[in-house]
Amino acid sequence: AGWTLGLMYSNGISGDTNRWSHDRHYWGAGLKYQAGAIKSSLILEAENKVTYATVNGVQVKEAPITAKYTVNYGLEYNTGSWTPMFTYRYVTQDEGVKAHKFGLSALIPYAGGRFKVAAAYMFGKDESIKAGEDKINHWQVGAAYEYPLSKRTVIKPFIGYAGSGKGWKNLGYANDGNIYNAWQAYIGMHHFF
């Protein structure tokens, strides 16, 4: 009746040298609904981060690290002429990042191809920032045009910008520019074998 359920589990994602009970584990569950012009999905994911060290030949539990959790929701509606989409994500990550992210995008047919446009905004907290403001935000915008050169080959130019503010405004790697604020442009070709 349009519903699909998926479950996934991994009993070791950081190597296979530890016993399964001493390794990092991943759990995931996804629920998808599709009926006519509507597609929707909800995905829940978790990863435990308990680690063990070997001291004098004995495995000892190290200080526990907060588990990572992710909730993803997506919705799209094909109007017949174009397809608007909405996404929401809540995530907790390593080093104490907790954030909400909202996105809007669309597929728009035009001149034998189709435009893909998207914008997203994220806000939250980054507890790894020791000095200064730990509140963060991040935004992205982008547009691409996919044009079929044949039934199996598509060419796609793209341009996009990502920027950050608050605690991430000036964060980056030394000698590598600011990784949180950048333009990107490319032309790619995709061939289906």
N, C-alpha and C. Protein backbone atom coordinates (compact mmCIF):
# COMPACT_ATOMS: atom_id res chain seq x y z
N ALA A 1 0.82 -1.21 0.00
CA ALA A 1 0.00 0.00 0.00
C ALA A 1 0.86 1.26 0.00
N GLY A 2 2.02 1.21 -0.62
CA GLY A 2 2.88 2.38 -0.73
C GLY A 2 3.91 2.53 0.35
N TRP A 3 3.92 1.64 1.36
CA TRP A 3 4.86 1.75 2.47
C TRP A 3 6.04 0.80 2.29
N THR A 4 7.23 1.28 2.64
CA THR A 4 8.43 0.44 2.64
C THR A 4 9.18 0.68 3.94
N LEU A 5 9.59 -0.42 4.59
CA LEU A 5 10.35 -0.33 5.84
C LEU A 5 11.72 -0.94 5.63
N GLY A 6 12.76 -0.26 6.10
CA GLY A 6 14.11 -0.80 6.02
C GLY A 6 14.78 -0.74 7.38
N LEU A 7 15.53 -1.80 7.73
CA LEU A 7 16.26 -1.85 8.99
C LEU A 7 17.71 -2.22 8.70
N MET A 8 18.64 -1.63 9.44
CA MET A 8 20.05 -1.93 9.23
C MET A 8 20.78 -1.94 10.57
N TYR A 9 21.74 -2.84 10.68
CA TYR A 9 22.55 -2.94 11.89
C TYR A 9 23.97 -3.33 11.51
N SER A 10 24.95 -2.72 12.15
CA SER A 10 26.34 -3.11 11.98
C SER A 10 26.94 -3.31 13.36
N ASN A 11 27.56 -4.45 13.57
CA ASN A 11 28.11 -4.73 14.90
C ASN A 11 29.57 -4.33 15.04
N GLY A 12 30.12 -3.63 14.06
CA GLY A 12 31.49 -3.15 14.18
C GLY A 12 31.84 -2.25 13.03
N ILE A 13 32.05 -0.96 13.28
CA ILE A 13 32.33 -0.03 12.19
C ILE A 13 33.70 0.61 12.31
N SER A 14 34.49 0.21 13.31
CA SER A 14 35.81 0.83 13.46
C SER A 14 36.93 -0.19 13.36
N GLY A 15 36.66 -1.33 12.76
CA GLY A 15 37.66 -2.37 12.63
C GLY A 15 37.10 -3.68 13.15
N ASP A 16 37.84 -4.75 12.96
CA ASP A 16 37.34 -6.06 13.39
C ASP A 16 38.29 -6.73 14.38
N THR A 17 39.05 -5.94 15.12
CA THR A 17 39.99 -6.53 16.08
C THR A 17 39.35 -6.73 17.45
N ASN A 18 38.30 -6.01 17.76
CA ASN A 18 37.63 -6.14 19.06
C ASN A 18 36.51 -7.16 18.98
N ARG A 19 36.13 -7.70 20.13
CA ARG A 19 34.90 -8.50 20.19
C ARG A 19 33.72 -7.59 19.83
N TRP A 20 32.66 -8.20 19.29
CA TRP A 20 31.53 -7.37 18.85
C TRP A 20 30.97 -6.54 19.98
N SER A 21 30.98 -7.03 21.20
CA SER A 21 30.41 -6.27 22.31
C SER A 21 31.29 -5.10 22.73
N HIS A 22 32.52 -5.05 22.22
CA HIS A 22 33.44 -3.97 22.57
C HIS A 22 33.66 -3.00 21.41
N ASP A 23 32.91 -3.13 20.37
CA ASP A 23 33.14 -2.30 19.19
C ASP A 23 32.03 -1.26 19.05
N ARG A 24 32.23 -0.34 18.10
CA ARG A 24 31.20 0.65 17.81
C ARG A 24 30.10 -0.01 16.98
N HIS A 25 28.86 0.34 17.27
CA HIS A 25 27.72 -0.27 16.60
C HIS A 25 26.87 0.81 15.92
N TYR A 26 26.20 0.42 14.86
CA TYR A 26 25.32 1.32 14.12
C TYR A 26 23.94 0.67 14.00
N TRP A 27 22.91 1.46 14.21
CA TRP A 27 21.53 1.04 14.02
C TRP A 27 20.84 2.04 13.11
N GLY A 28 19.99 1.57 12.23
CA GLY A 28 19.24 2.46 11.37
C GLY A 28 17.88 1.89 11.04
N ALA A 29 16.90 2.75 10.89
CA ALA A 29 15.55 2.35 10.49
C ALA A 29 14.98 3.42 9.57
N GLY A 30 14.40 2.99 8.48
CA GLY A 30 13.83 3.93 7.53
C GLY A 30 12.42 3.53 7.14
N LEU A 31 11.55 4.51 7.00
CA LEU A 31 10.16 4.29 6.59
C LEU A 31 9.87 5.21 5.42
N LYS A 32 9.43 4.64 4.31
CA LYS A 32 9.15 5.42 3.10
C LYS A 32 7.71 5.21 2.69
N TYR A 33 7.09 6.29 2.21
CA TYR A 33 5.72 6.22 1.70
C TYR A 33 5.69 6.86 0.33
N GLN A 34 5.07 6.17 -0.62
CA GLN A 34 4.95 6.70 -1.97
C GLN A 34 3.57 6.37 -2.51
N ALA A 35 2.85 7.41 -2.92
CA ALA A 35 1.53 7.22 -3.50
C ALA A 35 1.28 8.35 -4.50
N GLY A 36 1.21 7.99 -5.77
CA GLY A 36 0.97 8.99 -6.79
C GLY A 36 2.08 10.02 -6.85
N ALA A 37 1.71 11.27 -6.65
CA ALA A 37 2.67 12.37 -6.77
C ALA A 37 3.46 12.61 -5.49
N ILE A 38 3.13 11.92 -4.40
CA ILE A 38 3.76 12.18 -3.10
C ILE A 38 4.80 11.11 -2.78
N LYS A 39 5.97 11.56 -2.32
CA LYS A 39 6.98 10.67 -1.76
C LYS A 39 7.41 11.26 -0.42
N SER A 40 7.54 10.41 0.58
CA SER A 40 7.95 10.89 1.89
C SER A 40 8.79 9.82 2.57
N SER A 41 9.74 10.24 3.40
CA SER A 41 10.58 9.26 4.10
C SER A 41 11.00 9.80 5.46
N LEU A 42 11.20 8.86 6.38
CA LEU A 42 11.68 9.17 7.73
C LEU A 42 12.78 8.16 8.04
N ILE A 43 13.96 8.64 8.41
CA ILE A 43 15.10 7.77 8.70
C ILE A 43 15.65 8.12 10.07
N LEU A 44 15.83 7.11 10.91
CA LEU A 44 16.42 7.27 12.24
C LEU A 44 17.71 6.47 12.27
N GLU A 45 18.80 7.09 12.77
CA GLU A 45 20.09 6.42 12.84
C GLU A 45 20.75 6.69 14.18
N ALA A 46 21.53 5.71 14.65
CA ALA A 46 22.28 5.88 15.90
C ALA A 46 23.59 5.11 15.79
N GLU A 47 24.61 5.66 16.42
CA GLU A 47 25.91 5.00 16.48
C GLU A 47 26.47 5.16 17.88
N ASN A 48 26.75 4.05 18.55
CA ASN A 48 27.35 4.19 19.87
C ASN A 48 28.85 4.44 19.73
N LYS A 49 29.42 5.10 20.70
CA LYS A 49 30.81 5.51 20.60
C LYS A 49 31.64 5.03 21.78
N VAL A 50 31.21 3.98 22.46
CA VAL A 50 31.99 3.45 23.58
C VAL A 50 33.24 2.78 23.02
N THR A 51 34.40 3.12 23.55
CA THR A 51 35.65 2.54 23.07
C THR A 51 36.40 1.86 24.21
N TYR A 52 37.24 0.93 23.83
CA TYR A 52 38.03 0.17 24.80
C TYR A 52 39.50 0.29 24.44
N ALA A 53 40.34 0.28 25.45
CA ALA A 53 41.78 0.27 25.26
C ALA A 53 42.35 -0.98 25.91
N THR A 54 43.47 -1.46 25.39
CA THR A 54 44.11 -2.63 25.98
C THR A 54 45.21 -2.17 26.93
N VAL A 55 45.06 -2.49 28.20
CA VAL A 55 46.03 -2.13 29.24
C VAL A 55 46.54 -3.42 29.86
N ASN A 56 47.85 -3.68 29.71
CA ASN A 56 48.46 -4.91 30.24
C ASN A 56 47.73 -6.16 29.76
N GLY A 57 47.32 -6.15 28.49
CA GLY A 57 46.67 -7.32 27.91
C GLY A 57 45.19 -7.45 28.23
N VAL A 58 44.63 -6.49 28.94
CA VAL A 58 43.21 -6.55 29.32
C VAL A 58 42.48 -5.36 28.69
N GLN A 59 41.30 -5.62 28.11
CA GLN A 59 40.53 -4.52 27.53
C GLN A 59 39.81 -3.76 28.64
N VAL A 60 40.03 -2.44 28.64
CA VAL A 60 39.45 -1.56 29.66
C VAL A 60 38.59 -0.52 28.95
N LYS A 61 37.40 -0.31 29.47
CA LYS A 61 36.49 0.67 28.89
C LYS A 61 37.03 2.07 29.12
N GLU A 62 37.17 2.82 28.02
CA GLU A 62 37.62 4.20 28.13
C GLU A 62 36.43 5.09 28.47
N ALA A 63 36.72 6.37 28.69
CA ALA A 63 35.64 7.31 28.99
C ALA A 63 34.61 7.28 27.85
N PRO A 64 33.33 7.12 28.16
CA PRO A 64 32.33 7.03 27.11
C PRO A 64 32.20 8.34 26.35
N ILE A 65 31.99 8.22 25.07
CA ILE A 65 31.76 9.38 24.21
C ILE A 65 30.29 9.37 23.84
N THR A 66 29.68 10.52 23.80
CA THR A 66 28.25 10.60 23.50
C THR A 66 27.94 9.95 22.15
N ALA A 67 26.90 9.18 22.11
CA ALA A 67 26.50 8.52 20.86
C ALA A 67 26.03 9.57 19.86
N LYS A 68 26.10 9.20 18.58
CA LYS A 68 25.62 10.07 17.51
C LYS A 68 24.21 9.63 17.13
N TYR A 69 23.32 10.59 16.97
CA TYR A 69 21.94 10.32 16.55
C TYR A 69 21.60 11.21 15.36
N THR A 70 20.82 10.69 14.45
CA THR A 70 20.37 11.47 13.31
C THR A 70 18.91 11.14 13.02
N VAL A 71 18.12 12.19 12.77
CA VAL A 71 16.74 12.04 12.32
C VAL A 71 16.62 12.79 11.00
N ASN A 72 16.19 12.11 9.95
CA ASN A 72 16.01 12.73 8.64
C ASN A 72 14.56 12.57 8.20
N TYR A 73 13.97 13.66 7.69
CA TYR A 73 12.63 13.58 7.13
C TYR A 73 12.64 14.28 5.78
N GLY A 74 12.00 13.68 4.80
CA GLY A 74 11.91 14.28 3.48
C GLY A 74 10.52 14.15 2.90
N LEU A 75 10.11 15.15 2.11
CA LEU A 75 8.80 15.16 1.48
C LEU A 75 8.92 15.81 0.11
N GLU A 76 8.34 15.19 -0.90
CA GLU A 76 8.30 15.81 -2.22
C GLU A 76 6.93 15.60 -2.85
N TYR A 77 6.57 16.52 -3.74
CA TYR A 77 5.27 16.44 -4.41
C TYR A 77 5.45 16.83 -5.88
N ASN A 78 5.15 15.92 -6.76
CA ASN A 78 5.27 16.18 -8.20
C ASN A 78 3.98 16.85 -8.67
N THR A 79 4.07 18.12 -9.02
CA THR A 79 2.88 18.87 -9.44
C THR A 79 2.47 18.56 -10.87
N GLY A 80 3.34 17.83 -11.59
CA GLY A 80 3.09 17.58 -13.00
C GLY A 80 3.94 18.45 -13.88
N SER A 81 4.30 19.64 -13.39
CA SER A 81 5.18 20.51 -14.16
C SER A 81 6.52 20.72 -13.46
N TRP A 82 6.53 20.65 -12.13
CA TRP A 82 7.78 20.75 -11.37
C TRP A 82 7.59 20.03 -10.04
N THR A 83 8.70 19.77 -9.34
CA THR A 83 8.64 18.99 -8.10
C THR A 83 9.31 19.74 -6.96
N PRO A 84 8.54 20.33 -6.03
CA PRO A 84 9.14 20.93 -4.84
C PRO A 84 9.44 19.86 -3.79
N MET A 85 10.49 20.09 -2.99
CA MET A 85 10.90 19.14 -1.95
C MET A 85 11.26 19.87 -0.67
N PHE A 86 11.04 19.21 0.45
CA PHE A 86 11.37 19.75 1.77
C PHE A 86 12.14 18.69 2.55
N THR A 87 13.17 19.09 3.29
CA THR A 87 13.90 18.16 4.15
C THR A 87 14.14 18.79 5.52
N TYR A 88 14.20 17.91 6.51
CA TYR A 88 14.56 18.32 7.87
C TYR A 88 15.53 17.29 8.43
N ARG A 89 16.54 17.76 9.15
CA ARG A 89 17.49 16.86 9.80
C ARG A 89 17.84 17.38 11.18
N TYR A 90 17.82 16.47 12.16
CA TYR A 90 18.39 16.77 13.48
C TYR A 90 19.55 15.82 13.67
N VAL A 91 20.67 16.35 14.12
CA VAL A 91 21.85 15.51 14.26
C VAL A 91 22.64 15.87 15.50
N THR A 92 23.18 14.85 16.17
CA THR A 92 24.22 15.04 17.17
C THR A 92 25.45 14.35 16.62
N GLN A 93 26.59 15.04 16.66
CA GLN A 93 27.81 14.52 16.06
C GLN A 93 28.95 14.49 17.06
N ASP A 94 30.11 14.03 16.58
CA ASP A 94 31.30 14.03 17.42
C ASP A 94 31.61 15.44 17.91
N GLU A 95 32.32 15.51 19.02
CA GLU A 95 32.78 16.78 19.59
C GLU A 95 31.63 17.68 20.02
N GLY A 96 30.45 17.14 20.24
CA GLY A 96 29.37 17.92 20.82
C GLY A 96 28.62 18.84 19.88
N VAL A 97 28.53 18.51 18.59
CA VAL A 97 27.73 19.30 17.65
C VAL A 97 26.29 18.79 17.71
N LYS A 98 25.36 19.70 17.95
CA LYS A 98 23.93 19.39 17.93
C LYS A 98 23.27 20.44 17.05
N ALA A 99 22.56 19.99 16.00
CA ALA A 99 22.05 20.97 15.05
C ALA A 99 20.77 20.51 14.37
N HIS A 100 19.99 21.51 13.94
CA HIS A 100 18.79 21.33 13.11
C HIS A 100 19.11 21.88 11.73
N LYS A 101 18.64 21.19 10.69
CA LYS A 101 18.88 21.67 9.32
C LYS A 101 17.59 21.54 8.51
N PHE A 102 17.21 22.61 7.85
CA PHE A 102 16.03 22.65 7.00
C PHE A 102 16.46 22.91 5.56
N GLY A 103 15.81 22.25 4.62
CA GLY A 103 16.16 22.45 3.22
C GLY A 103 14.94 22.52 2.33
N LEU A 104 15.04 23.34 1.30
CA LEU A 104 14.03 23.43 0.25
C LEU A 104 14.73 23.25 -1.08
N SER A 105 14.14 22.47 -1.96
CA SER A 105 14.74 22.26 -3.28
C SER A 105 13.63 21.98 -4.29
N ALA A 106 14.03 21.94 -5.56
CA ALA A 106 13.03 21.71 -6.61
C ALA A 106 13.70 21.16 -7.86
N LEU A 107 12.95 20.35 -8.59
CA LEU A 107 13.31 19.91 -9.94
C LEU A 107 12.37 20.63 -10.90
N ILE A 108 12.96 21.34 -11.87
CA ILE A 108 12.16 22.15 -12.79
C ILE A 108 12.54 21.81 -14.23
N PRO A 109 11.70 21.11 -14.98
CA PRO A 109 12.01 20.81 -16.38
C PRO A 109 12.09 22.10 -17.19
N TYR A 110 13.11 22.15 -18.11
CA TYR A 110 13.26 23.35 -18.93
C TYR A 110 14.11 23.02 -20.17
N ALA A 111 13.62 23.34 -21.34
CA ALA A 111 14.37 23.26 -22.61
C ALA A 111 15.00 21.89 -22.83
N GLY A 112 14.26 20.83 -22.55
CA GLY A 112 14.77 19.49 -22.80
C GLY A 112 15.59 18.91 -21.67
N GLY A 113 15.93 19.70 -20.67
CA GLY A 113 16.67 19.22 -19.51
C GLY A 113 15.90 19.56 -18.25
N ARG A 114 16.61 19.69 -17.15
CA ARG A 114 15.93 20.09 -15.92
C ARG A 114 16.88 20.82 -14.99
N PHE A 115 16.36 21.88 -14.37
CA PHE A 115 17.09 22.60 -13.34
C PHE A 115 16.92 21.88 -12.01
N LYS A 116 17.97 21.90 -11.21
CA LYS A 116 17.91 21.46 -9.81
C LYS A 116 18.38 22.65 -8.98
N VAL A 117 17.51 23.14 -8.11
CA VAL A 117 17.85 24.27 -7.24
C VAL A 117 17.62 23.85 -5.79
N ALA A 118 18.47 24.36 -4.91
CA ALA A 118 18.36 23.96 -3.51
C ALA A 118 18.91 25.04 -2.60
N ALA A 119 18.34 25.10 -1.40
CA ALA A 119 18.83 25.99 -0.34
C ALA A 119 18.62 25.27 0.99
N ALA A 120 19.56 25.45 1.90
CA ALA A 120 19.46 24.81 3.21
C ALA A 120 20.01 25.74 4.28
N TYR A 121 19.46 25.64 5.49
CA TYR A 121 19.92 26.44 6.62
C TYR A 121 20.02 25.53 7.84
N MET A 122 21.14 25.64 8.55
CA MET A 122 21.38 24.84 9.74
C MET A 122 21.71 25.77 10.91
N PHE A 123 21.24 25.41 12.10
CA PHE A 123 21.61 26.16 13.30
C PHE A 123 21.72 25.19 14.47
N GLY A 124 22.56 25.55 15.43
CA GLY A 124 22.73 24.67 16.58
C GLY A 124 23.86 25.12 17.46
N LYS A 125 24.57 24.12 18.03
CA LYS A 125 25.62 24.39 19.01
C LYS A 125 26.80 23.46 18.75
N ASP A 126 28.01 23.99 18.89
CA ASP A 126 29.24 23.21 18.73
C ASP A 126 30.05 23.35 20.01
N GLU A 127 29.95 22.34 20.88
CA GLU A 127 30.61 22.40 22.19
C GLU A 127 32.13 22.24 22.10
N SER A 128 32.65 21.90 20.92
CA SER A 128 34.10 21.76 20.77
C SER A 128 34.80 23.12 20.66
N ILE A 129 34.03 24.18 20.44
CA ILE A 129 34.62 25.52 20.38
C ILE A 129 34.90 25.96 21.81
N LYS A 130 36.17 25.99 22.17
CA LYS A 130 36.56 26.26 23.56
C LYS A 130 36.57 27.75 23.89
N ALA A 131 36.90 28.57 22.90
CA ALA A 131 36.95 30.01 23.13
C ALA A 131 35.97 30.69 22.18
N GLY A 132 35.19 31.59 22.67
CA GLY A 132 34.25 32.31 21.83
C GLY A 132 32.87 31.69 21.85
N GLU A 133 32.09 32.03 20.85
CA GLU A 133 30.69 31.63 20.80
C GLU A 133 30.55 30.18 20.33
N ASP A 134 29.76 29.37 21.04
CA ASP A 134 29.57 27.98 20.64
C ASP A 134 28.29 27.78 19.83
N LYS A 135 27.47 28.82 19.66
CA LYS A 135 26.30 28.72 18.78
C LYS A 135 26.80 28.86 17.34
N ILE A 136 26.20 28.09 16.44
CA ILE A 136 26.65 28.04 15.06
C ILE A 136 25.47 28.16 14.11
N ASN A 137 25.78 28.58 12.88
CA ASN A 137 24.80 28.46 11.81
C ASN A 137 25.54 28.27 10.49
N HIS A 138 24.83 27.74 9.52
CA HIS A 138 25.44 27.42 8.23
C HIS A 138 24.34 27.44 7.18
N TRP A 139 24.64 27.94 5.99
CA TRP A 139 23.65 27.97 4.92
C TRP A 139 24.32 27.57 3.61
N GLN A 140 23.50 27.04 2.71
CA GLN A 140 23.99 26.60 1.40
C GLN A 140 22.94 26.94 0.35
N VAL A 141 23.39 27.35 -0.82
CA VAL A 141 22.51 27.52 -1.97
C VAL A 141 23.23 26.95 -3.18
N GLY A 142 22.47 26.42 -4.12
CA GLY A 142 23.10 25.86 -5.31
C GLY A 142 22.09 25.66 -6.42
N ALA A 143 22.61 25.63 -7.64
CA ALA A 143 21.76 25.39 -8.80
C ALA A 143 22.56 24.59 -9.83
N ALA A 144 21.88 23.65 -10.46
CA ALA A 144 22.50 22.85 -11.51
C ALA A 144 21.49 22.70 -12.65
N TYR A 145 22.02 22.42 -13.84
CA TYR A 145 21.15 22.15 -14.97
C TYR A 145 21.62 20.84 -15.60
N GLU A 146 20.74 19.86 -15.65
CA GLU A 146 21.07 18.58 -16.27
C GLU A 146 20.46 18.52 -17.67
N TYR A 147 21.34 18.27 -18.65
CA TYR A 147 20.86 18.19 -20.03
C TYR A 147 21.29 16.86 -20.64
N PRO A 148 20.35 16.07 -21.17
CA PRO A 148 20.71 14.78 -21.76
C PRO A 148 21.32 14.94 -23.15
N LEU A 149 22.56 14.47 -23.30
CA LEU A 149 23.20 14.47 -24.61
C LEU A 149 22.74 13.26 -25.42
N SER A 150 22.34 12.19 -24.71
CA SER A 150 21.78 10.99 -25.32
C SER A 150 20.91 10.32 -24.26
N LYS A 151 20.41 9.11 -24.54
CA LYS A 151 19.59 8.41 -23.56
C LYS A 151 20.38 8.03 -22.32
N ARG A 152 21.71 7.89 -22.45
CA ARG A 152 22.52 7.41 -21.33
C ARG A 152 23.57 8.41 -20.86
N THR A 153 23.66 9.58 -21.47
CA THR A 153 24.70 10.55 -21.10
C THR A 153 24.07 11.90 -20.78
N VAL A 154 24.42 12.43 -19.62
CA VAL A 154 23.88 13.71 -19.14
C VAL A 154 25.05 14.64 -18.82
N ILE A 155 24.94 15.90 -19.22
CA ILE A 155 25.93 16.90 -18.85
C ILE A 155 25.31 17.81 -17.79
N LYS A 156 26.12 18.25 -16.80
CA LYS A 156 25.56 19.02 -15.70
C LYS A 156 26.52 20.10 -15.22
N PRO A 157 26.26 21.38 -15.54
CA PRO A 157 26.99 22.47 -14.88
C PRO A 157 26.33 22.79 -13.54
N PHE A 158 27.15 23.21 -12.57
CA PHE A 158 26.67 23.49 -11.22
C PHE A 158 27.40 24.70 -10.66
N ILE A 159 26.69 25.49 -9.83
CA ILE A 159 27.32 26.55 -9.06
C ILE A 159 26.63 26.61 -7.70
N GLY A 160 27.43 26.83 -6.65
CA GLY A 160 26.85 26.87 -5.32
C GLY A 160 27.72 27.66 -4.35
N TYR A 161 27.13 28.04 -3.25
CA TYR A 161 27.84 28.78 -2.20
C TYR A 161 27.43 28.22 -0.85
N ALA A 162 28.40 28.11 0.05
CA ALA A 162 28.13 27.72 1.43
C ALA A 162 28.79 28.74 2.34
N GLY A 163 28.09 29.17 3.37
CA GLY A 163 28.62 30.15 4.31
C GLY A 163 28.22 29.81 5.73
N SER A 164 28.97 30.34 6.67
CA SER A 164 28.71 30.06 8.08
C SER A 164 28.80 31.33 8.90
N GLY A 165 28.17 31.29 10.07
CA GLY A 165 28.19 32.44 10.96
C GLY A 165 28.37 32.01 12.40
N LYS A 166 28.35 33.00 13.26
CA LYS A 166 28.51 32.81 14.70
C LYS A 166 29.82 32.07 14.98
N GLY A 167 29.77 30.95 15.72
CA GLY A 167 30.99 30.27 16.11
C GLY A 167 31.78 29.67 14.97
N TRP A 168 31.15 29.42 13.82
CA TRP A 168 31.85 28.87 12.66
C TRP A 168 32.28 29.93 11.66
N LYS A 169 32.05 31.19 11.94
CA LYS A 169 32.29 32.25 10.96
C LYS A 169 33.73 32.27 10.47
N ASN A 170 34.68 32.15 11.38
CA ASN A 170 36.09 32.24 11.00
C ASN A 170 36.84 30.93 11.19
N LEU A 171 36.10 29.84 11.33
CA LEU A 171 36.74 28.56 11.58
C LEU A 171 37.21 27.92 10.28
N GLY A 172 38.43 27.41 10.28
CA GLY A 172 38.98 26.74 9.10
C GLY A 172 40.30 26.12 9.46
N TYR A 173 40.95 25.51 8.49
CA TYR A 173 42.26 24.91 8.72
C TYR A 173 43.36 25.88 8.31
N ALA A 174 44.46 25.87 9.04
CA ALA A 174 45.59 26.73 8.69
C ALA A 174 46.09 26.38 7.29
N ASN A 175 46.40 27.42 6.52
CA ASN A 175 46.94 27.29 5.16
C ASN A 175 45.98 26.60 4.19
N ASP A 176 44.73 26.47 4.57
CA ASP A 176 43.78 25.78 3.69
C ASP A 176 42.52 26.61 3.46
N GLY A 177 42.56 27.88 3.82
CA GLY A 177 41.40 28.72 3.62
C GLY A 177 40.31 28.40 4.62
N ASN A 178 39.17 29.00 4.44
CA ASN A 178 38.04 28.79 5.35
C ASN A 178 37.11 27.74 4.76
N ILE A 179 37.13 26.55 5.35
CA ILE A 179 36.37 25.45 4.77
C ILE A 179 34.86 25.62 4.94
N TYR A 180 34.43 26.53 5.79
CA TYR A 180 33.00 26.70 6.02
C TYR A 180 32.38 27.80 5.16
N ASN A 181 33.17 28.53 4.39
CA ASN A 181 32.66 29.58 3.53
C ASN A 181 33.33 29.45 2.17
N ALA A 182 32.60 29.02 1.17
CA ALA A 182 33.25 28.77 -0.11
C ALA A 182 32.26 28.75 -1.27
N TRP A 183 32.76 29.15 -2.45
CA TRP A 183 32.05 29.00 -3.71
C TRP A 183 32.51 27.71 -4.36
N GLN A 184 31.64 27.10 -5.15
CA GLN A 184 32.04 25.94 -5.93
C GLN A 184 31.32 25.99 -7.26
N ALA A 185 32.05 25.68 -8.34
CA ALA A 185 31.45 25.60 -9.66
C ALA A 185 32.12 24.46 -10.41
N TYR A 186 31.34 23.72 -11.18
CA TYR A 186 31.92 22.65 -11.98
C TYR A 186 31.00 22.31 -13.15
N ILE A 187 31.56 21.59 -14.10
CA ILE A 187 30.78 20.99 -15.18
C ILE A 187 31.11 19.51 -15.17
N GLY A 188 30.09 18.68 -15.08
CA GLY A 188 30.31 17.25 -15.04
C GLY A 188 29.49 16.52 -16.10
N MET A 189 29.89 15.29 -16.35
CA MET A 189 29.14 14.47 -17.30
C MET A 189 28.90 13.11 -16.65
N HIS A 190 27.69 12.61 -16.77
CA HIS A 190 27.29 11.34 -16.17
C HIS A 190 26.85 10.40 -17.30
N HIS A 191 27.51 9.24 -17.35
CA HIS A 191 27.14 8.24 -18.36
C HIS A 191 26.65 6.97 -17.66
N PHE A 192 25.49 6.49 -18.07
CA PHE A 192 24.90 5.28 -17.50
C PHE A 192 25.30 4.09 -18.35
N PHE A 193 25.98 3.11 -17.78
CA PHE A 193 26.40 1.92 -18.49
C PHE A 193 25.31 0.85 -18.44
